[in-house]
Protein backbone atom coordinates (compact mmCIF):
# COMPACT_ATOMS: atom_id res chain seq x y z
CA UNK A 1 10.47 -7.96 6.50
CA UNK A 2 8.28 -6.39 9.13
CA UNK A 3 5.31 -4.30 8.12
CA UNK A 4 6.13 -1.63 10.70
CA UNK A 5 8.02 1.26 9.15
CA UNK A 6 9.64 4.28 10.70
CA UNK A 7 8.37 6.41 7.82
CA UNK A 8 5.30 8.45 8.63
CA UNK A 9 4.83 9.82 5.12
CA UNK A 10 1.71 8.87 3.19
CA UNK A 11 1.96 5.75 1.07
CA UNK A 12 0.86 5.71 -2.54
CA UNK A 13 -0.90 2.77 -4.15
CA UNK A 14 -1.76 2.17 -7.80
CA UNK A 15 -5.55 2.21 -8.02
CA UNK A 16 -5.53 -0.27 -10.89
CA UNK A 17 -3.03 -2.89 -9.72
CA UNK A 18 -2.88 -2.21 -5.99
CA UNK A 19 0.90 -2.04 -6.11
CA UNK A 20 2.72 0.21 -3.69
CA UNK A 21 4.35 3.20 -5.37
CA UNK A 22 7.13 5.52 -4.39
CA UNK A 23 6.35 9.23 -4.18
CA UNK A 24 8.27 9.82 -7.40
CA UNK A 25 6.27 7.16 -9.23
CA UNK A 26 3.00 8.48 -7.85
CA UNK A 27 3.74 11.99 -9.11
CA UNK A 28 4.16 10.69 -12.66
CA UNK A 29 0.76 9.03 -12.67
CA UNK A 30 -2.57 10.84 -13.03
CA UNK A 31 -4.10 11.66 -9.64
CA UNK A 32 -7.17 9.52 -10.24
CA UNK A 33 -4.92 6.48 -10.65
CA UNK A 34 -3.11 6.90 -7.33
CA UNK A 35 -4.62 6.01 -3.98
CA UNK A 36 -3.02 7.80 -1.05
CA UNK A 37 -2.89 5.95 2.25
CA UNK A 38 -2.33 8.26 5.18
CA UNK A 39 -0.63 6.55 8.07
CA UNK A 40 -1.45 7.74 11.58
CA UNK A 41 1.39 9.59 13.26
CA UNK A 42 1.43 8.64 16.93
CA UNK A 43 2.29 11.58 19.18
CA UNK A 44 2.35 14.10 16.33
CA UNK A 45 -0.12 16.63 15.03
CA UNK A 46 -1.40 16.20 11.49
CA UNK A 47 0.52 18.30 9.01
């Protein structure tokens, strides 16, 4: 699997375990437990 993804949405990571979360999983957790990684969007303005 390549690390490059076509998705430009932010990624969510569990602050405690460091595991990658889906957006649905991240919404269930308290905000202080979720780390949001914003990926740069080449050629696009920041939303």
